[in-house]
Amino acid sequence: MNTDKIIKDFKAVEFMREVRDKISEDIKEMNFEQIKKYFEERKLNLAKNE
């Protein structure tokens, strides 16, 4: 078992809810094209951080 990347006290459900709520807040007043761009940029930023 790889324990190198375990984060102590990490709560997956809580984390997913926080991410979902942040995304919902960020995109609530965007049109489709803006939402599409938001997710494209988010995907690129996540890829850079890996």
PDB file of N, CA and C in Angstrom:
ATOM      1  N   MET A   1       0.842  -1.186   0.000  1.00  0.00           N
ATOM      2  CA  MET A   1       0.000   0.000   0.000  1.00  0.00           C
ATOM      3  C   MET A   1       0.885   1.246   0.000  1.00  0.00           C
ATOM      4  N   ASN A   2       0.575   2.174  -0.878  1.00  0.00           N
ATOM      5  CA  ASN A   2       1.354   3.408  -0.985  1.00  0.00           C
ATOM      6  C   ASN A   2       0.801   4.426   0.008  1.00  0.00           C
ATOM      7  N   THR A   3       1.566   4.720   1.042  1.00  0.00           N
ATOM      8  CA  THR A   3       1.114   5.662   2.069  1.00  0.00           C
ATOM      9  C   THR A   3       1.804   7.014   1.945  1.00  0.00           C
ATOM     10  N   ASP A   4       2.584   7.220   0.885  1.00  0.00           N
ATOM     11  CA  ASP A   4       3.316   8.474   0.710  1.00  0.00           C
ATOM     12  C   ASP A   4       2.402   9.685   0.553  1.00  0.00           C
ATOM     13  N   LYS A   5       1.250   9.491  -0.058  1.00  0.00           N
ATOM     14  CA  LYS A   5       0.374  10.612  -0.373  1.00  0.00           C
ATOM     15  C   LYS A   5      -0.870  10.681   0.513  1.00  0.00           C
ATOM     16  N   ILE A   6      -0.895   9.963   1.599  1.00  0.00           N
ATOM     17  CA  ILE A   6      -2.050  10.006   2.501  1.00  0.00           C
ATOM     18  C   ILE A   6      -2.038  11.320   3.267  1.00  0.00           C
ATOM     19  N   ILE A   7      -3.185  11.981   3.277  1.00  0.00           N
ATOM     20  CA  ILE A   7      -3.328  13.237   4.002  1.00  0.00           C
ATOM     21  C   ILE A   7      -4.091  12.942   5.281  1.00  0.00           C
ATOM     22  N   LYS A   8      -3.454  13.215   6.405  1.00  0.00           N
ATOM     23  CA  LYS A   8      -4.062  12.923   7.703  1.00  0.00           C
ATOM     24  C   LYS A   8      -5.379  13.681   7.846  1.00  0.00           C
ATOM     25  N   ASP A   9      -6.398  13.003   8.317  1.00  0.00           N
ATOM     26  CA  ASP A   9      -7.727  13.560   8.564  1.00  0.00           C
ATOM     27  C   ASP A   9      -8.430  14.063   7.311  1.00  0.00           C
ATOM     28  N   PHE A  10      -8.055  13.551   6.139  1.00  0.00           N
ATOM     29  CA  PHE A  10      -8.714  13.947   4.903  1.00  0.00           C
ATOM     30  C   PHE A  10     -10.097  13.318   4.849  1.00  0.00           C
ATOM     31  N   LYS A  11     -11.085  14.138   4.569  1.00  0.00           N
ATOM     32  CA  LYS A  11     -12.468  13.677   4.469  1.00  0.00           C
ATOM     33  C   LYS A  11     -12.931  13.875   3.028  1.00  0.00           C
ATOM     34  N   ALA A  12     -13.031  12.782   2.284  1.00  0.00           N
ATOM     35  CA  ALA A  12     -13.338  12.849   0.854  1.00  0.00           C
ATOM     36  C   ALA A  12     -14.700  13.481   0.586  1.00  0.00           C
ATOM     37  N   VAL A  13     -15.727  13.079   1.315  1.00  0.00           N
ATOM     38  CA  VAL A  13     -17.074  13.598   1.079  1.00  0.00           C
ATOM     39  C   VAL A  13     -17.115  15.091   1.365  1.00  0.00           C
ATOM     40  N   GLU A  14     -16.524  15.494   2.465  1.00  0.00           N
ATOM     41  CA  GLU A  14     -16.487  16.917   2.820  1.00  0.00           C
ATOM     42  C   GLU A  14     -15.744  17.720   1.753  1.00  0.00           C
ATOM     43  N   PHE A  15     -14.626  17.187   1.288  1.00  0.00           N
ATOM     44  CA  PHE A  15     -13.846  17.850   0.243  1.00  0.00           C
ATOM     45  C   PHE A  15     -14.657  17.996  -1.037  1.00  0.00           C
ATOM     46  N   MET A  16     -15.324  16.924  -1.459  1.00  0.00           N
ATOM     47  CA  MET A  16     -16.121  16.971  -2.689  1.00  0.00           C
ATOM     48  C   MET A  16     -17.263  17.978  -2.572  1.00  0.00           C
ATOM     49  N   ARG A  17     -17.883  18.048  -1.418  1.00  0.00           N
ATOM     50  CA  ARG A  17     -18.955  19.033  -1.218  1.00  0.00           C
ATOM     51  C   ARG A  17     -18.421  20.458  -1.313  1.00  0.00           C
ATOM     52  N   GLU A  18     -17.258  20.697  -0.730  1.00  0.00           N
ATOM     53  CA  GLU A  18     -16.651  22.036  -0.800  1.00  0.00           C
ATOM     54  C   GLU A  18     -16.329  22.415  -2.240  1.00  0.00           C
ATOM     55  N   VAL A  19     -15.765  21.474  -2.992  1.00  0.00           N
ATOM     56  CA  VAL A  19     -15.426  21.736  -4.392  1.00  0.00           C
ATOM     57  C   VAL A  19     -16.699  21.993  -5.194  1.00  0.00           C
ATOM     58  N   ARG A  20     -17.706  21.155  -4.987  1.00  0.00           N
ATOM     59  CA  ARG A  20     -18.980  21.318  -5.698  1.00  0.00           C
ATOM     60  C   ARG A  20     -19.605  22.672  -5.405  1.00  0.00           C
ATOM     61  N   ASP A  21     -19.607  23.061  -4.132  1.00  0.00           N
ATOM     62  CA  ASP A  21     -20.196  24.341  -3.745  1.00  0.00           C
ATOM     63  C   ASP A  21     -19.427  25.517  -4.329  1.00  0.00           C
ATOM     64  N   LYS A  22     -18.106  25.417  -4.375  1.00  0.00           N
ATOM     65  CA  LYS A  22     -17.299  26.494  -4.958  1.00  0.00           C
ATOM     66  C   LYS A  22     -17.566  26.627  -6.444  1.00  0.00           C
ATOM     67  N   ILE A  23     -17.610  25.506  -7.151  1.00  0.00           N
ATOM     68  CA  ILE A  23     -17.882  25.545  -8.583  1.00  0.00           C
ATOM     69  C   ILE A  23     -19.278  26.116  -8.833  1.00  0.00           C
ATOM     70  N   SER A  24     -20.251  25.686  -8.060  1.00  0.00           N
ATOM     71  CA  SER A  24     -21.615  26.198  -8.223  1.00  0.00           C
ATOM     72  C   SER A  24     -21.659  27.703  -8.049  1.00  0.00           C
ATOM     73  N   GLU A  25     -20.957  28.196  -7.052  1.00  0.00           N
ATOM     74  CA  GLU A  25     -20.912  29.639  -6.800  1.00  0.00           C
ATOM     75  C   GLU A  25     -20.206  30.371  -7.951  1.00  0.00           C
ATOM     76  N   ASP A  26     -19.110  29.796  -8.429  1.00  0.00           N
ATOM     77  CA  ASP A  26     -18.336  30.422  -9.504  1.00  0.00           C
ATOM     78  C   ASP A  26     -19.126  30.545 -10.804  1.00  0.00           C
ATOM     79  N   ILE A  27     -19.938  29.536 -11.130  1.00  0.00           N
ATOM     80  CA  ILE A  27     -20.582  29.503 -12.449  1.00  0.00           C
ATOM     81  C   ILE A  27     -22.051  29.899 -12.445  1.00  0.00           C
ATOM     82  N   LYS A  28     -22.592  30.269 -11.305  1.00  0.00           N
ATOM     83  CA  LYS A  28     -24.046  30.456 -11.205  1.00  0.00           C
ATOM     84  C   LYS A  28     -24.622  31.481 -12.172  1.00  0.00           C
ATOM     85  N   GLU A  29     -23.856  32.479 -12.573  1.00  0.00           N
ATOM     86  CA  GLU A  29     -24.402  33.494 -13.481  1.00  0.00           C
ATOM     87  C   GLU A  29     -23.717  33.501 -14.840  1.00  0.00           C
ATOM     88  N   MET A  30     -23.059  32.406 -15.169  1.00  0.00           N
ATOM     89  CA  MET A  30     -22.367  32.310 -16.459  1.00  0.00           C
ATOM     90  C   MET A  30     -23.283  31.689 -17.509  1.00  0.00           C
ATOM     91  N   ASN A  31     -23.030  32.064 -18.756  1.00  0.00           N
ATOM     92  CA  ASN A  31     -23.724  31.390 -19.852  1.00  0.00           C
ATOM     93  C   ASN A  31     -22.917  30.152 -20.238  1.00  0.00           C
ATOM     94  N   PHE A  32     -23.428  29.400 -21.207  1.00  0.00           N
ATOM     95  CA  PHE A  32     -22.796  28.134 -21.570  1.00  0.00           C
ATOM     96  C   PHE A  32     -21.345  28.312 -22.004  1.00  0.00           C
ATOM     97  N   GLU A  33     -21.076  29.295 -22.840  1.00  0.00           N
ATOM     98  CA  GLU A  33     -19.718  29.504 -23.330  1.00  0.00           C
ATOM     99  C   GLU A  33     -18.758  29.852 -22.194  1.00  0.00           C
ATOM    100  N   GLN A  34     -19.203  30.665 -21.250  1.00  0.00           N
ATOM    101  CA  GLN A  34     -18.367  31.025 -20.102  1.00  0.00           C
ATOM    102  C   GLN A  34     -18.101  29.801 -19.221  1.00  0.00           C
ATOM    103  N   ILE A  35     -19.122  28.977 -19.036  1.00  0.00           N
ATOM    104  CA  ILE A  35     -18.960  27.754 -18.229  1.00  0.00           C
ATOM    105  C   ILE A  35     -17.971  26.813 -18.903  1.00  0.00           C
ATOM    106  N   LYS A  36     -18.108  26.668 -20.203  1.00  0.00           N
ATOM    107  CA  LYS A  36     -17.194  25.809 -20.964  1.00  0.00           C
ATOM    108  C   LYS A  36     -15.750  26.294 -20.803  1.00  0.00           C
ATOM    109  N   LYS A  37     -15.526  27.593 -20.930  1.00  0.00           N
ATOM    110  CA  LYS A  37     -14.192  28.158 -20.766  1.00  0.00           C
ATOM    111  C   LYS A  37     -13.688  27.957 -19.335  1.00  0.00           C
ATOM    112  N   TYR A  38     -14.560  28.145 -18.351  1.00  0.00           N
ATOM    113  CA  TYR A  38     -14.212  27.955 -16.940  1.00  0.00           C
ATOM    114  C   TYR A  38     -13.661  26.550 -16.710  1.00  0.00           C
ATOM    115  N   PHE A  39     -14.357  25.539 -17.228  1.00  0.00           N
ATOM    116  CA  PHE A  39     -13.916  24.164 -17.016  1.00  0.00           C
ATOM    117  C   PHE A  39     -12.657  23.828 -17.813  1.00  0.00           C
ATOM    118  N   GLU A  40     -12.504  24.417 -18.995  1.00  0.00           N
ATOM    119  CA  GLU A  40     -11.277  24.198 -19.753  1.00  0.00           C
ATOM    120  C   GLU A  40     -10.072  24.765 -19.003  1.00  0.00           C
ATOM    121  N   GLU A  41     -10.227  25.971 -18.471  1.00  0.00           N
ATOM    122  CA  GLU A  41      -9.136  26.593 -17.711  1.00  0.00           C
ATOM    123  C   GLU A  41      -8.867  25.837 -16.418  1.00  0.00           C
ATOM    124  N   ARG A  42      -9.904  25.391 -15.767  1.00  0.00           N
ATOM    125  CA  ARG A  42      -9.763  24.633 -14.520  1.00  0.00           C
ATOM    126  C   ARG A  42      -9.007  23.331 -14.784  1.00  0.00           C
ATOM    127  N   LYS A  43      -9.361  22.668 -15.877  1.00  0.00           N
ATOM    128  CA  LYS A  43      -8.687  21.417 -16.242  1.00  0.00           C
ATOM    129  C   LYS A  43      -7.201  21.664 -16.498  1.00  0.00           C
ATOM    130  N   LEU A  44      -6.876  22.745 -17.198  1.00  0.00           N
ATOM    131  CA  LEU A  44      -5.470  23.064 -17.457  1.00  0.00           C
ATOM    132  C   LEU A  44      -4.720  23.360 -16.168  1.00  0.00           C
ATOM    133  N   ASN A  45      -5.337  24.102 -15.254  1.00  0.00           N
ATOM    134  CA  ASN A  45      -4.699  24.416 -13.980  1.00  0.00           C
ATOM    135  C   ASN A  45      -4.476  23.172 -13.137  1.00  0.00           C
ATOM    136  N   LEU A  46      -5.440  22.270 -13.144  1.00  0.00           N
ATOM    137  CA  LEU A  46      -5.280  21.023 -12.387  1.00  0.00           C
ATOM    138  C   LEU A  46      -4.157  20.176 -12.976  1.00  0.00           C
ATOM    139  N   ALA A  47      -4.043  20.163 -14.288  1.00  0.00           N
ATOM    140  CA  ALA A  47      -2.997  19.374 -14.951  1.00  0.00           C
ATOM    141  C   ALA A  47      -1.609  19.927 -14.617  1.00  0.00           C
ATOM    142  N   LYS A  48      -1.494  21.246 -14.506  1.00  0.00           N
ATOM    143  CA  LYS A  48      -0.213  21.862 -14.163  1.00  0.00           C
ATOM    144  C   LYS A  48       0.227  21.487 -12.747  1.00  0.00           C
ATOM    145  N   ASN A  49      -0.737  21.344 -11.848  1.00  0.00           N
ATOM    146  CA  ASN A  49      -0.433  21.101 -10.444  1.00  0.00           C
ATOM    147  C   ASN A  49      -0.136  19.649 -10.120  1.00  0.00           C
ATOM    148  N   GLU A  50      -0.262  18.758 -11.087  1.00  0.00           N
ATOM    149  CA  GLU A  50       0.020  17.342 -10.825  1.00  0.00           C
ATOM    150  C   GLU A  50       1.482  17.048 -10.837  1.00  0.00           C
TER     151      GLU A  50
END
